[in-house]
PDB file of N, CA and C in Angstrom:
ATOM      1  N   MET A   1       0.859  -1.185   0.000  1.00  0.00           N
ATOM      2  CA  MET A   1       0.000   0.000   0.000  1.00  0.00           C
ATOM      3  C   MET A   1       0.898   1.239   0.000  1.00  0.00           C
ATOM      4  N   SER A   2       0.566   2.185  -0.832  1.00  0.00           N
ATOM      5  CA  SER A   2       1.371   3.402  -0.904  1.00  0.00           C
ATOM      6  C   SER A   2       0.920   4.409   0.143  1.00  0.00           C
ATOM      7  N   MET A   3       1.817   5.309   0.479  1.00  0.00           N
ATOM      8  CA  MET A   3       1.529   6.353   1.466  1.00  0.00           C
ATOM      9  C   MET A   3       0.571   7.373   0.860  1.00  0.00           C
ATOM     10  N   LYS A   4      -0.324   7.863   1.667  1.00  0.00           N
ATOM     11  CA  LYS A   4      -1.261   8.909   1.259  1.00  0.00           C
ATOM     12  C   LYS A   4      -0.948  10.163   2.056  1.00  0.00           C
ATOM     13  N   GLN A   5      -1.386  11.302   1.576  1.00  0.00           N
ATOM     14  CA  GLN A   5      -1.169  12.562   2.264  1.00  0.00           C
ATOM     15  C   GLN A   5      -2.490  13.140   2.731  1.00  0.00           C
ATOM     16  N   VAL A   6      -2.436  13.795   3.867  1.00  0.00           N
ATOM     17  CA  VAL A   6      -3.593  14.510   4.397  1.00  0.00           C
ATOM     18  C   VAL A   6      -3.133  15.932   4.672  1.00  0.00           C
ATOM     19  N   LYS A   7      -3.864  16.894   4.146  1.00  0.00           N
ATOM     20  CA  LYS A   7      -3.490  18.288   4.358  1.00  0.00           C
ATOM     21  C   LYS A   7      -4.180  18.814   5.610  1.00  0.00           C
ATOM     22  N   VAL A   8      -3.396  19.475   6.461  1.00  0.00           N
ATOM     23  CA  VAL A   8      -3.928  20.111   7.661  1.00  0.00           C
ATOM     24  C   VAL A   8      -3.405  21.549   7.708  1.00  0.00           C
ATOM     25  N   GLY A   9      -4.130  22.378   8.398  1.00  0.00           N
ATOM     26  CA  GLY A   9      -3.715  23.766   8.539  1.00  0.00           C
ATOM     27  C   GLY A   9      -2.499  23.882   9.436  1.00  0.00           C
ATOM     28  N   PRO A  10      -1.803  25.010   9.358  1.00  0.00           N
ATOM     29  CA  PRO A  10      -0.577  25.191  10.133  1.00  0.00           C
ATOM     30  C   PRO A  10      -0.776  25.105  11.648  1.00  0.00           C
ATOM     31  N   VAL A  11      -1.901  25.577  12.139  1.00  0.00           N
ATOM     32  CA  VAL A  11      -2.159  25.517  13.579  1.00  0.00           C
ATOM     33  C   VAL A  11      -2.337  24.070  14.024  1.00  0.00           C
ATOM     34  N   TYR A  12      -3.088  23.291  13.251  1.00  0.00           N
ATOM     35  CA  TYR A  12      -3.273  21.891  13.593  1.00  0.00           C
ATOM     36  C   TYR A  12      -1.965  21.120  13.506  1.00  0.00           C
ATOM     37  N   TYR A  13      -1.117  21.471  12.553  1.00  0.00           N
ATOM     38  CA  TYR A  13       0.173  20.793  12.431  1.00  0.00           C
ATOM     39  C   TYR A  13       1.042  21.078  13.648  1.00  0.00           C
ATOM     40  N   GLU A  14       1.059  22.318  14.092  1.00  0.00           N
ATOM     41  CA  GLU A  14       1.839  22.664  15.286  1.00  0.00           C
ATOM     42  C   GLU A  14       1.312  21.924  16.518  1.00  0.00           C
ATOM     43  N   MET A  15      -0.005  21.790  16.615  1.00  0.00           N
ATOM     44  CA  MET A  15      -0.602  21.034  17.722  1.00  0.00           C
ATOM     45  C   MET A  15      -0.165  19.576  17.651  1.00  0.00           C
ATOM     46  N   LEU A  16      -0.169  19.004  16.447  1.00  0.00           N
ATOM     47  CA  LEU A  16       0.261  17.623  16.244  1.00  0.00           C
ATOM     48  C   LEU A  16       1.720  17.443  16.641  1.00  0.00           C
ATOM     49  N   VAL A  17       2.571  18.367  16.237  1.00  0.00           N
ATOM     50  CA  VAL A  17       3.993  18.281  16.570  1.00  0.00           C
ATOM     51  C   VAL A  17       4.189  18.348  18.086  1.00  0.00           C
ATOM     52  N   GLU A  18       3.487  19.243  18.738  1.00  0.00           N
ATOM     53  CA  GLU A  18       3.604  19.385  20.192  1.00  0.00           C
ATOM     54  C   GLU A  18       3.151  18.109  20.913  1.00  0.00           C
ATOM     55  N   LEU A  19       2.018  17.563  20.505  1.00  0.00           N
ATOM     56  CA  LEU A  19       1.517  16.340  21.127  1.00  0.00           C
ATOM     57  C   LEU A  19       2.439  15.154  20.867  1.00  0.00           C
ATOM     58  N   SER A  20       2.959  15.070  19.660  1.00  0.00           N
ATOM     59  CA  SER A  20       3.835  13.942  19.333  1.00  0.00           C
ATOM     60  C   SER A  20       5.154  14.035  20.100  1.00  0.00           C
ATOM     61  N   LYS A  21       5.680  15.237  20.289  1.00  0.00           N
ATOM     62  CA  LYS A  21       6.912  15.400  21.066  1.00  0.00           C
ATOM     63  C   LYS A  21       6.700  14.955  22.505  1.00  0.00           C
ATOM     64  N   LYS A  22       5.545  15.284  23.079  1.00  0.00           N
ATOM     65  CA  LYS A  22       5.243  14.874  24.458  1.00  0.00           C
ATOM     66  C   LYS A  22       5.176  13.358  24.577  1.00  0.00           C
ATOM     67  N   SER A  23       4.785  12.697  23.501  1.00  0.00           N
ATOM     68  CA  SER A  23       4.681  11.234  23.497  1.00  0.00           C
ATOM     69  C   SER A  23       5.989  10.566  23.065  1.00  0.00           C
ATOM     70  N   GLY A  24       6.956  11.368  22.612  1.00  0.00           N
ATOM     71  CA  GLY A  24       8.227  10.824  22.171  1.00  0.00           C
ATOM     72  C   GLY A  24       8.140  10.093  20.844  1.00  0.00           C
ATOM     73  N   LYS A  25       7.199  10.516  19.993  1.00  0.00           N
ATOM     74  CA  LYS A  25       6.996   9.873  18.696  1.00  0.00           C
ATOM     75  C   LYS A  25       7.115  10.901  17.581  1.00  0.00           C
ATOM     76  N   LYS A  26       7.318  10.403  16.367  1.00  0.00           N
ATOM     77  CA  LYS A  26       7.267  11.273  15.191  1.00  0.00           C
ATOM     78  C   LYS A  26       5.805  11.608  14.927  1.00  0.00           C
ATOM     79  N   PRO A  27       5.531  12.786  14.344  1.00  0.00           N
ATOM     80  CA  PRO A  27       4.135  13.169  14.081  1.00  0.00           C
ATOM     81  C   PRO A  27       3.357  12.125  13.278  1.00  0.00           C
ATOM     82  N   GLU A  28       4.008  11.521  12.283  1.00  0.00           N
ATOM     83  CA  GLU A  28       3.327  10.521  11.454  1.00  0.00           C
ATOM     84  C   GLU A  28       2.915   9.304  12.283  1.00  0.00           C
ATOM     85  N   ASN A  29       3.826   8.857  13.152  1.00  0.00           N
ATOM     86  CA  ASN A  29       3.534   7.695  13.988  1.00  0.00           C
ATOM     87  C   ASN A  29       2.475   8.015  15.035  1.00  0.00           C
ATOM     88  N   TYR A  30       2.566   9.214  15.608  1.00  0.00           N
ATOM     89  CA  TYR A  30       1.580   9.619  16.613  1.00  0.00           C
ATOM     90  C   TYR A  30       0.182   9.662  15.999  1.00  0.00           C
ATOM     91  N   LEU A  31       0.083  10.228  14.821  1.00  0.00           N
ATOM     92  CA  LEU A  31      -1.208  10.334  14.149  1.00  0.00           C
ATOM     93  C   LEU A  31      -1.759   8.951  13.803  1.00  0.00           C
ATOM     94  N   GLY A  32      -0.887   8.066  13.329  1.00  0.00           N
ATOM     95  CA  GLY A  32      -1.302   6.702  13.019  1.00  0.00           C
ATOM     96  C   GLY A  32      -1.807   5.970  14.249  1.00  0.00           C
ATOM     97  N   ASP A  33      -1.097   6.131  15.370  1.00  0.00           N
ATOM     98  CA  ASP A  33      -1.519   5.496  16.620  1.00  0.00           C
ATOM     99  C   ASP A  33      -2.856   6.050  17.103  1.00  0.00           C
ATOM    100  N   LEU A  34      -3.040   7.352  16.964  1.00  0.00           N
ATOM    101  CA  LEU A  34      -4.283   7.992  17.382  1.00  0.00           C
ATOM    102  C   LEU A  34      -5.466   7.480  16.563  1.00  0.00           C
ATOM    103  N   ILE A  35      -5.273   7.360  15.264  1.00  0.00           N
ATOM    104  CA  ILE A  35      -6.334   6.860  14.385  1.00  0.00           C
ATOM    105  C   ILE A  35      -6.661   5.408  14.735  1.00  0.00           C
ATOM    106  N   ALA A  36      -5.627   4.590  14.932  1.00  0.00           N
ATOM    107  CA  ALA A  36      -5.834   3.179  15.275  1.00  0.00           C
ATOM    108  C   ALA A  36      -6.572   3.039  16.605  1.00  0.00           C
ATOM    109  N   GLU A  37      -6.218   3.873  17.577  1.00  0.00           N
ATOM    110  CA  GLU A  37      -6.871   3.833  18.893  1.00  0.00           C
ATOM    111  C   GLU A  37      -8.349   4.192  18.774  1.00  0.00           C
ATOM    112  N   LYS A  38      -8.643   5.227  18.024  1.00  0.00           N
ATOM    113  CA  LYS A  38     -10.046   5.636  17.836  1.00  0.00           C
ATOM    114  C   LYS A  38     -10.829   4.570  17.078  1.00  0.00           C
ATOM    115  N   TYR A  39     -10.205   3.967  16.086  1.00  0.00           N
ATOM    116  CA  TYR A  39     -10.866   2.938  15.281  1.00  0.00           C
ATOM    117  C   TYR A  39     -11.186   1.725  16.136  1.00  0.00           C
ATOM    118  N   GLN A  40     -10.269   1.324  16.990  1.00  0.00           N
ATOM    119  CA  GLN A  40     -10.499   0.173  17.868  1.00  0.00           C
ATOM    120  C   GLN A  40     -11.632   0.456  18.855  1.00  0.00           C
ATOM    121  N   GLY A  41     -11.764   1.701  19.261  1.00  0.00           N
ATOM    122  CA  GLY A  41     -12.820   2.077  20.207  1.00  0.00           C
ATOM    123  C   GLY A  41     -14.212   1.998  19.595  1.00  0.00           C
ATOM    124  N   LYS A  42     -14.304   2.083  18.272  1.00  0.00           N
ATOM    125  CA  LYS A  42     -15.606   2.033  17.588  1.00  0.00           C
ATOM    126  C   LYS A  42     -16.198   0.648  17.619  1.00  0.00           C
ATOM    127  N   LYS A  43     -15.339  -0.381  17.661  1.00  0.00           N
ATOM    128  CA  LYS A  43     -15.811  -1.762  17.553  1.00  0.00           C
ATOM    129  C   LYS A  43     -16.391  -2.266  18.851  1.00  0.00           C
TER     130      LYS A  43
END
């Protein structure tokens, strides 16, 4: 599967970077983990 891109505004990107730094993860990995966590909660 190829990588896809999602466009976010600059403020949201800065929020993502700040949250990912607190978790000790790269923004891409943090976002992936967040999506997976939310998806698992739906089931």
